[in-house]
Amino acid sequence: MKNIVVVFLIFLGSYFTHAQDKDLKKILSTSTWRIDIESMKPQILLKFATVPEMKELSKEEREIAVKNVLVSLSKLKYKFGEDGSFKNFITGEIEYVGSYTLNVQDNELITNLEIEPNSVFKIVSFDHKKIVLHHKLRNNDLILIPEN
């Protein structure tokens, strides 16, 4: 009886893992995503407060630099395909094509682009309105919202 329960729990766990994987892939692939700029502002300000070169800037120079970074980030788009394809782009300017994988057991999204291979994000939360990721190496959050 104990063996039947263990087998059932393993089956149930793999079923939910597969279901979560399909749910997230479906959500990822239904939209073109962009960065939620308002959520990035505090992170950018914090980075600028800790980077020595940025500390040397005047208040006005720092404000202009933050604004420029936010404008650049606002142009950046992300497109995920159900087939595992991944595109990071600024319309009409640059485009990086690669792939992504989901590791639902570890709650991770791994993107692979030529310019940045094997980026690992912890999946904090996701739904059709917002995806919250935590970049493990950079130790910062990335909040994506649908473009439209």
N, C-alpha and C. Protein backbone atom coordinates (compact mmCIF):
# COMPACT_ATOMS: atom_id res chain seq x y z
N MET A 1 0.83 -1.20 0.00
CA MET A 1 0.00 0.00 0.00
C MET A 1 0.87 1.26 0.00
N LYS A 2 1.93 1.23 0.80
CA LYS A 2 2.83 2.36 0.87
C LYS A 2 3.45 2.66 -0.50
N ASN A 3 3.81 1.60 -1.24
CA ASN A 3 4.40 1.77 -2.57
C ASN A 3 3.41 2.40 -3.54
N ILE A 4 2.15 2.04 -3.44
CA ILE A 4 1.12 2.60 -4.31
C ILE A 4 0.98 4.09 -4.04
N VAL A 5 1.00 4.49 -2.78
CA VAL A 5 0.89 5.91 -2.41
C VAL A 5 2.10 6.68 -2.95
N VAL A 6 3.29 6.15 -2.81
CA VAL A 6 4.50 6.81 -3.30
C VAL A 6 4.43 6.98 -4.82
N VAL A 7 4.06 5.92 -5.53
CA VAL A 7 3.94 5.99 -6.99
C VAL A 7 2.89 7.03 -7.39
N PHE A 8 1.77 7.04 -6.68
CA PHE A 8 0.71 8.01 -6.97
C PHE A 8 1.21 9.44 -6.75
N LEU A 9 1.93 9.69 -5.66
CA LEU A 9 2.44 11.02 -5.37
C LEU A 9 3.46 11.47 -6.41
N ILE A 10 4.31 10.55 -6.86
CA ILE A 10 5.27 10.87 -7.91
C ILE A 10 4.54 11.22 -9.20
N PHE A 11 3.53 10.41 -9.55
CA PHE A 11 2.74 10.68 -10.75
C PHE A 11 2.04 12.02 -10.64
N LEU A 12 1.44 12.29 -9.50
CA LEU A 12 0.72 13.54 -9.28
C LEU A 12 1.66 14.73 -9.38
N GLY A 13 2.84 14.61 -8.78
CA GLY A 13 3.84 15.68 -8.85
C GLY A 13 4.29 15.95 -10.27
N SER A 14 4.54 14.90 -11.04
CA SER A 14 4.98 15.09 -12.43
C SER A 14 3.83 15.65 -13.28
N TYR A 15 2.60 15.27 -12.98
CA TYR A 15 1.46 15.80 -13.71
C TYR A 15 1.34 17.31 -13.48
N PHE A 16 1.42 17.76 -12.21
CA PHE A 16 1.31 19.18 -11.92
C PHE A 16 2.49 19.96 -12.48
N THR A 17 3.68 19.38 -12.44
CA THR A 17 4.85 20.03 -13.01
C THR A 17 4.65 20.23 -14.50
N HIS A 18 4.16 19.21 -15.21
CA HIS A 18 3.90 19.32 -16.64
C HIS A 18 2.81 20.35 -16.91
N ALA A 19 1.78 20.36 -16.08
CA ALA A 19 0.68 21.32 -16.26
C ALA A 19 1.18 22.75 -16.05
N GLN A 20 2.01 22.97 -15.02
CA GLN A 20 2.56 24.30 -14.78
C GLN A 20 3.44 24.74 -15.94
N ASP A 21 4.24 23.82 -16.46
CA ASP A 21 5.12 24.10 -17.59
C ASP A 21 4.29 24.56 -18.79
N LYS A 22 3.21 23.84 -19.09
CA LYS A 22 2.34 24.19 -20.22
C LYS A 22 1.64 25.53 -19.97
N ASP A 23 1.18 25.76 -18.72
CA ASP A 23 0.52 27.02 -18.40
C ASP A 23 1.45 28.20 -18.61
N LEU A 24 2.67 28.10 -18.10
CA LEU A 24 3.61 29.20 -18.22
C LEU A 24 4.01 29.40 -19.68
N LYS A 25 4.25 28.32 -20.42
CA LYS A 25 4.59 28.46 -21.85
C LYS A 25 3.45 29.15 -22.61
N LYS A 26 2.22 28.80 -22.27
CA LYS A 26 1.07 29.42 -22.93
C LYS A 26 1.01 30.91 -22.60
N ILE A 27 1.19 31.24 -21.33
CA ILE A 27 1.16 32.65 -20.92
C ILE A 27 2.31 33.42 -21.59
N LEU A 28 3.50 32.85 -21.57
CA LEU A 28 4.66 33.51 -22.18
C LEU A 28 4.44 33.79 -23.66
N SER A 29 3.86 32.82 -24.36
CA SER A 29 3.76 32.92 -25.82
C SER A 29 2.55 33.71 -26.31
N THR A 30 1.64 34.10 -25.42
CA THR A 30 0.43 34.80 -25.87
C THR A 30 0.66 36.28 -26.13
N SER A 31 1.75 36.84 -25.64
CA SER A 31 1.98 38.28 -25.78
C SER A 31 3.43 38.56 -26.13
N THR A 32 3.64 39.77 -26.60
CA THR A 32 4.98 40.34 -26.61
C THR A 32 5.07 41.09 -25.30
N TRP A 33 6.14 40.88 -24.56
CA TRP A 33 6.28 41.43 -23.22
C TRP A 33 7.24 42.61 -23.22
N ARG A 34 7.01 43.53 -22.31
CA ARG A 34 7.93 44.65 -22.11
C ARG A 34 8.17 44.82 -20.61
N ILE A 35 9.21 45.56 -20.30
CA ILE A 35 9.56 45.77 -18.90
C ILE A 35 8.60 46.78 -18.28
N ASP A 36 8.16 46.49 -17.07
CA ASP A 36 7.35 47.43 -16.31
C ASP A 36 8.30 48.50 -15.77
N ILE A 37 8.35 49.63 -16.44
CA ILE A 37 9.33 50.68 -16.14
C ILE A 37 9.18 51.22 -14.72
N GLU A 38 7.96 51.41 -14.28
CA GLU A 38 7.75 51.93 -12.92
C GLU A 38 8.38 51.02 -11.86
N SER A 39 8.32 49.72 -12.09
CA SER A 39 8.91 48.80 -11.12
C SER A 39 10.43 48.81 -11.18
N MET A 40 11.00 49.22 -12.32
CA MET A 40 12.46 49.24 -12.48
C MET A 40 13.10 50.49 -11.88
N LYS A 41 12.34 51.55 -11.80
CA LYS A 41 12.89 52.83 -11.34
C LYS A 41 13.62 52.71 -9.99
N PRO A 42 13.01 52.12 -8.96
CA PRO A 42 13.72 52.00 -7.68
C PRO A 42 15.01 51.18 -7.79
N GLN A 43 15.00 50.13 -8.63
CA GLN A 43 16.19 49.32 -8.79
C GLN A 43 17.30 50.10 -9.48
N ILE A 44 16.95 50.89 -10.48
CA ILE A 44 17.94 51.71 -11.19
C ILE A 44 18.52 52.75 -10.24
N LEU A 45 17.67 53.41 -9.47
CA LEU A 45 18.14 54.40 -8.50
C LEU A 45 19.09 53.77 -7.49
N LEU A 46 18.76 52.58 -7.02
CA LEU A 46 19.62 51.88 -6.07
C LEU A 46 20.97 51.54 -6.70
N LYS A 47 20.95 51.03 -7.94
CA LYS A 47 22.21 50.72 -8.65
C LYS A 47 23.05 51.98 -8.79
N PHE A 48 22.41 53.09 -9.18
CA PHE A 48 23.14 54.33 -9.38
C PHE A 48 23.72 54.85 -8.07
N ALA A 49 23.07 54.56 -6.97
CA ALA A 49 23.57 55.01 -5.67
C ALA A 49 24.77 54.18 -5.19
N THR A 50 24.94 53.00 -5.75
CA THR A 50 26.03 52.12 -5.29
C THR A 50 27.21 52.03 -6.26
N VAL A 51 27.04 52.46 -7.49
CA VAL A 51 28.13 52.42 -8.47
C VAL A 51 28.98 53.68 -8.30
N PRO A 52 30.28 53.51 -8.03
CA PRO A 52 31.15 54.68 -7.74
C PRO A 52 31.10 55.77 -8.82
N GLU A 53 31.10 55.38 -10.10
CA GLU A 53 31.09 56.39 -11.17
C GLU A 53 29.81 57.23 -11.14
N MET A 54 28.71 56.60 -10.74
CA MET A 54 27.43 57.30 -10.71
C MET A 54 27.33 58.21 -9.49
N LYS A 55 28.00 57.85 -8.41
CA LYS A 55 27.98 58.69 -7.21
C LYS A 55 28.63 60.04 -7.48
N GLU A 56 29.58 60.06 -8.41
CA GLU A 56 30.31 61.29 -8.72
C GLU A 56 29.49 62.27 -9.56
N LEU A 57 28.40 61.84 -10.14
CA LEU A 57 27.57 62.71 -10.95
C LEU A 57 26.79 63.69 -10.07
N SER A 58 26.50 64.84 -10.65
CA SER A 58 25.64 65.79 -9.93
C SER A 58 24.22 65.22 -9.90
N LYS A 59 23.37 65.83 -9.11
CA LYS A 59 21.98 65.37 -9.00
C LYS A 59 21.29 65.44 -10.36
N GLU A 60 21.50 66.53 -11.09
CA GLU A 60 20.87 66.69 -12.41
C GLU A 60 21.39 65.64 -13.39
N GLU A 61 22.72 65.42 -13.38
CA GLU A 61 23.32 64.42 -14.28
C GLU A 61 22.79 63.02 -13.98
N ARG A 62 22.64 62.72 -12.69
CA ARG A 62 22.13 61.41 -12.28
C ARG A 62 20.68 61.24 -12.73
N GLU A 63 19.87 62.29 -12.59
CA GLU A 63 18.47 62.24 -13.03
C GLU A 63 18.38 62.00 -14.53
N ILE A 64 19.23 62.67 -15.30
CA ILE A 64 19.25 62.50 -16.75
C ILE A 64 19.68 61.07 -17.10
N ALA A 65 20.69 60.57 -16.40
CA ALA A 65 21.17 59.21 -16.66
C ALA A 65 20.09 58.18 -16.34
N VAL A 66 19.38 58.34 -15.23
CA VAL A 66 18.30 57.43 -14.86
C VAL A 66 17.20 57.49 -15.93
N LYS A 67 16.84 58.68 -16.33
CA LYS A 67 15.80 58.85 -17.36
C LYS A 67 16.21 58.15 -18.66
N ASN A 68 17.47 58.31 -19.07
CA ASN A 68 17.96 57.67 -20.30
C ASN A 68 17.92 56.15 -20.21
N VAL A 69 18.29 55.61 -19.06
CA VAL A 69 18.25 54.15 -18.88
C VAL A 69 16.80 53.67 -18.95
N LEU A 70 15.89 54.37 -18.30
CA LEU A 70 14.48 53.97 -18.31
C LEU A 70 13.88 54.08 -19.71
N VAL A 71 14.25 55.10 -20.47
CA VAL A 71 13.76 55.22 -21.85
C VAL A 71 14.28 54.05 -22.68
N SER A 72 15.56 53.71 -22.52
CA SER A 72 16.12 52.57 -23.26
C SER A 72 15.41 51.27 -22.89
N LEU A 73 15.20 51.06 -21.60
CA LEU A 73 14.51 49.84 -21.14
C LEU A 73 13.07 49.78 -21.64
N SER A 74 12.43 50.94 -21.78
CA SER A 74 11.03 50.96 -22.22
C SER A 74 10.89 50.49 -23.67
N LYS A 75 11.96 50.56 -24.44
CA LYS A 75 11.91 50.13 -25.85
C LYS A 75 12.16 48.63 -26.00
N LEU A 76 12.70 48.01 -24.98
CA LEU A 76 13.07 46.61 -25.05
C LEU A 76 11.84 45.70 -24.96
N LYS A 77 11.78 44.72 -25.86
CA LYS A 77 10.65 43.78 -25.91
C LYS A 77 11.16 42.35 -25.83
N TYR A 78 10.28 41.47 -25.36
CA TYR A 78 10.59 40.05 -25.22
C TYR A 78 9.47 39.24 -25.88
N LYS A 79 9.85 38.28 -26.70
CA LYS A 79 8.87 37.40 -27.34
C LYS A 79 9.30 35.95 -27.11
N PHE A 80 8.40 35.17 -26.51
CA PHE A 80 8.64 33.76 -26.21
C PHE A 80 7.73 32.92 -27.10
N GLY A 81 8.27 31.90 -27.74
CA GLY A 81 7.46 31.00 -28.55
C GLY A 81 7.13 29.74 -27.76
N GLU A 82 5.99 29.13 -28.07
CA GLU A 82 5.65 27.87 -27.40
C GLU A 82 6.66 26.77 -27.71
N ASP A 83 7.39 26.94 -28.83
CA ASP A 83 8.39 25.96 -29.24
C ASP A 83 9.74 26.14 -28.54
N GLY A 84 9.84 27.12 -27.61
CA GLY A 84 11.08 27.36 -26.89
C GLY A 84 11.96 28.44 -27.53
N SER A 85 11.46 29.07 -28.59
CA SER A 85 12.22 30.16 -29.20
C SER A 85 12.07 31.43 -28.35
N PHE A 86 13.07 32.28 -28.41
CA PHE A 86 13.08 33.49 -27.60
C PHE A 86 13.70 34.62 -28.40
N LYS A 87 13.08 35.79 -28.33
CA LYS A 87 13.60 36.95 -29.04
C LYS A 87 13.57 38.14 -28.09
N ASN A 88 14.67 38.86 -28.06
CA ASN A 88 14.83 40.07 -27.26
C ASN A 88 15.14 41.16 -28.27
N PHE A 89 14.33 42.22 -28.33
CA PHE A 89 14.51 43.18 -29.41
C PHE A 89 14.01 44.58 -29.08
N ILE A 90 14.52 45.53 -29.86
CA ILE A 90 13.97 46.88 -29.93
C ILE A 90 13.52 47.02 -31.38
N THR A 91 12.24 47.20 -31.57
CA THR A 91 11.65 47.21 -32.92
C THR A 91 12.42 48.15 -33.86
N GLY A 92 12.85 47.58 -34.98
CA GLY A 92 13.53 48.35 -36.00
C GLY A 92 14.98 48.70 -35.70
N GLU A 93 15.50 48.30 -34.53
CA GLU A 93 16.87 48.66 -34.17
C GLU A 93 17.76 47.43 -34.00
N ILE A 94 17.50 46.65 -32.97
CA ILE A 94 18.32 45.46 -32.71
C ILE A 94 17.42 44.26 -32.44
N GLU A 95 17.95 43.09 -32.68
CA GLU A 95 17.19 41.87 -32.42
C GLU A 95 18.16 40.75 -32.08
N TYR A 96 17.92 40.10 -30.97
CA TYR A 96 18.69 38.94 -30.56
C TYR A 96 17.75 37.74 -30.50
N VAL A 97 18.12 36.67 -31.16
CA VAL A 97 17.28 35.49 -31.23
C VAL A 97 17.99 34.35 -30.53
N GLY A 98 17.24 33.59 -29.76
CA GLY A 98 17.80 32.45 -29.05
C GLY A 98 16.70 31.49 -28.64
N SER A 99 16.86 30.94 -27.46
CA SER A 99 15.89 29.97 -26.96
C SER A 99 15.70 30.15 -25.46
N TYR A 100 14.68 29.49 -24.97
CA TYR A 100 14.47 29.46 -23.52
C TYR A 100 14.00 28.08 -23.12
N THR A 101 14.23 27.75 -21.88
CA THR A 101 13.72 26.51 -21.30
C THR A 101 13.12 26.83 -19.94
N LEU A 102 12.19 25.99 -19.56
CA LEU A 102 11.59 26.12 -18.24
C LEU A 102 12.00 24.93 -17.39
N ASN A 103 12.42 25.21 -16.20
CA ASN A 103 12.72 24.17 -15.24
C ASN A 103 11.70 24.37 -14.11
N VAL A 104 10.55 23.77 -14.28
CA VAL A 104 9.45 24.02 -13.34
C VAL A 104 9.76 23.45 -11.96
N GLN A 105 10.50 22.34 -11.90
CA GLN A 105 10.83 21.77 -10.60
C GLN A 105 11.63 22.75 -9.74
N ASP A 106 12.56 23.48 -10.37
CA ASP A 106 13.35 24.48 -9.65
C ASP A 106 12.77 25.88 -9.80
N ASN A 107 11.62 25.98 -10.49
CA ASN A 107 10.94 27.25 -10.68
C ASN A 107 11.84 28.26 -11.39
N GLU A 108 12.44 27.83 -12.52
CA GLU A 108 13.39 28.67 -13.23
C GLU A 108 13.04 28.81 -14.72
N LEU A 109 13.37 29.97 -15.24
CA LEU A 109 13.32 30.26 -16.67
C LEU A 109 14.76 30.52 -17.08
N ILE A 110 15.25 29.80 -18.07
CA ILE A 110 16.62 29.95 -18.54
C ILE A 110 16.57 30.44 -19.98
N THR A 111 17.16 31.62 -20.24
CA THR A 111 17.21 32.15 -21.59
C THR A 111 18.62 31.98 -22.14
N ASN A 112 18.70 31.73 -23.44
CA ASN A 112 19.98 31.59 -24.12
C ASN A 112 20.01 32.49 -25.34
N LEU A 113 20.82 33.51 -25.27
CA LEU A 113 21.07 34.41 -26.39
C LEU A 113 22.57 34.43 -26.63
N GLU A 114 22.97 34.71 -27.86
CA GLU A 114 24.40 34.76 -28.16
C GLU A 114 25.12 35.78 -27.27
N ILE A 115 24.48 36.93 -27.03
CA ILE A 115 25.11 37.97 -26.22
C ILE A 115 25.08 37.66 -24.72
N GLU A 116 24.18 36.78 -24.32
CA GLU A 116 24.09 36.42 -22.90
C GLU A 116 23.54 35.00 -22.77
N PRO A 117 24.44 34.02 -22.88
CA PRO A 117 23.99 32.63 -22.78
C PRO A 117 23.66 32.23 -21.34
N ASN A 118 22.70 31.34 -21.21
CA ASN A 118 22.40 30.69 -19.95
C ASN A 118 22.07 31.67 -18.81
N SER A 119 21.16 32.61 -19.06
CA SER A 119 20.69 33.50 -17.98
C SER A 119 19.60 32.79 -17.21
N VAL A 120 19.79 32.69 -15.92
CA VAL A 120 18.85 31.95 -15.08
C VAL A 120 18.02 32.94 -14.25
N PHE A 121 16.71 32.81 -14.41
CA PHE A 121 15.76 33.64 -13.66
C PHE A 121 14.92 32.74 -12.77
N LYS A 122 14.75 33.12 -11.54
CA LYS A 122 13.80 32.46 -10.65
C LYS A 122 12.41 33.01 -10.99
N ILE A 123 11.45 32.13 -11.18
CA ILE A 123 10.08 32.56 -11.47
C ILE A 123 9.41 32.86 -10.14
N VAL A 124 9.16 34.14 -9.89
CA VAL A 124 8.55 34.56 -8.63
C VAL A 124 7.04 34.39 -8.72
N SER A 125 6.45 34.90 -9.82
CA SER A 125 5.01 34.74 -10.05
C SER A 125 4.72 34.99 -11.52
N PHE A 126 3.56 34.50 -11.97
CA PHE A 126 3.17 34.74 -13.36
C PHE A 126 1.67 34.61 -13.52
N ASP A 127 1.15 35.45 -14.39
CA ASP A 127 -0.22 35.35 -14.89
C ASP A 127 -0.26 36.12 -16.21
N HIS A 128 -1.44 36.29 -16.79
CA HIS A 128 -1.54 36.95 -18.10
C HIS A 128 -1.22 38.45 -18.05
N LYS A 129 -1.21 39.04 -16.86
CA LYS A 129 -0.98 40.47 -16.72
C LYS A 129 0.43 40.84 -16.29
N LYS A 130 1.14 39.88 -15.68
CA LYS A 130 2.46 40.21 -15.15
C LYS A 130 3.27 38.95 -14.90
N ILE A 131 4.55 39.02 -15.26
CA ILE A 131 5.49 37.95 -14.95
C ILE A 131 6.62 38.58 -14.12
N VAL A 132 6.84 38.02 -12.95
CA VAL A 132 7.89 38.53 -12.07
C VAL A 132 9.01 37.50 -12.04
N LEU A 133 10.20 37.94 -12.46
CA LEU A 133 11.38 37.08 -12.50
C LEU A 133 12.48 37.70 -11.65
N HIS A 134 13.33 36.85 -11.11
CA HIS A 134 14.49 37.33 -10.35
C HIS A 134 15.74 36.78 -11.01
N HIS A 135 16.59 37.68 -11.51
CA HIS A 135 17.83 37.28 -12.17
C HIS A 135 18.81 36.85 -11.08
N LYS A 136 19.18 35.58 -11.08
CA LYS A 136 19.99 35.03 -9.99
C LYS A 136 21.38 35.65 -9.92
N LEU A 137 22.04 35.81 -11.06
CA LEU A 137 23.41 36.32 -11.06
C LEU A 137 23.45 37.81 -10.72
N ARG A 138 22.56 38.59 -11.32
CA ARG A 138 22.55 40.04 -11.09
C ARG A 138 21.85 40.44 -9.80
N ASN A 139 21.10 39.50 -9.23
CA ASN A 139 20.34 39.74 -8.00
C ASN A 139 19.39 40.94 -8.14
N ASN A 140 18.64 40.95 -9.25
CA ASN A 140 17.62 41.99 -9.40
C ASN A 140 16.37 41.37 -10.01
N ASP A 141 15.27 42.09 -9.85
CA ASP A 141 13.99 41.62 -10.37
C ASP A 141 13.73 42.20 -11.75
N LEU A 142 12.99 41.44 -12.52
CA LEU A 142 12.54 41.86 -13.84
C LEU A 142 11.04 41.60 -13.87
N ILE A 143 10.28 42.67 -14.03
CA ILE A 143 8.83 42.54 -14.08
C ILE A 143 8.39 42.85 -15.50
N LEU A 144 7.77 41.85 -16.14
CA LEU A 144 7.31 41.98 -17.51
C LEU A 144 5.81 42.10 -17.54
N ILE A 145 5.33 42.99 -18.41
CA ILE A 145 3.90 43.16 -18.62
C ILE A 145 3.63 43.08 -20.12
N PRO A 146 2.40 42.71 -20.51
CA PRO A 146 2.11 42.63 -21.95
C PRO A 146 2.28 44.00 -22.62
N GLU A 147 2.73 43.96 -23.87
CA GLU A 147 2.95 45.22 -24.61
C GLU A 147 1.64 45.97 -24.82
N ASN A 148 0.57 45.27 -25.09
CA ASN A 148 -0.71 45.93 -25.38
C ASN A 148 -1.58 45.99 -24.16
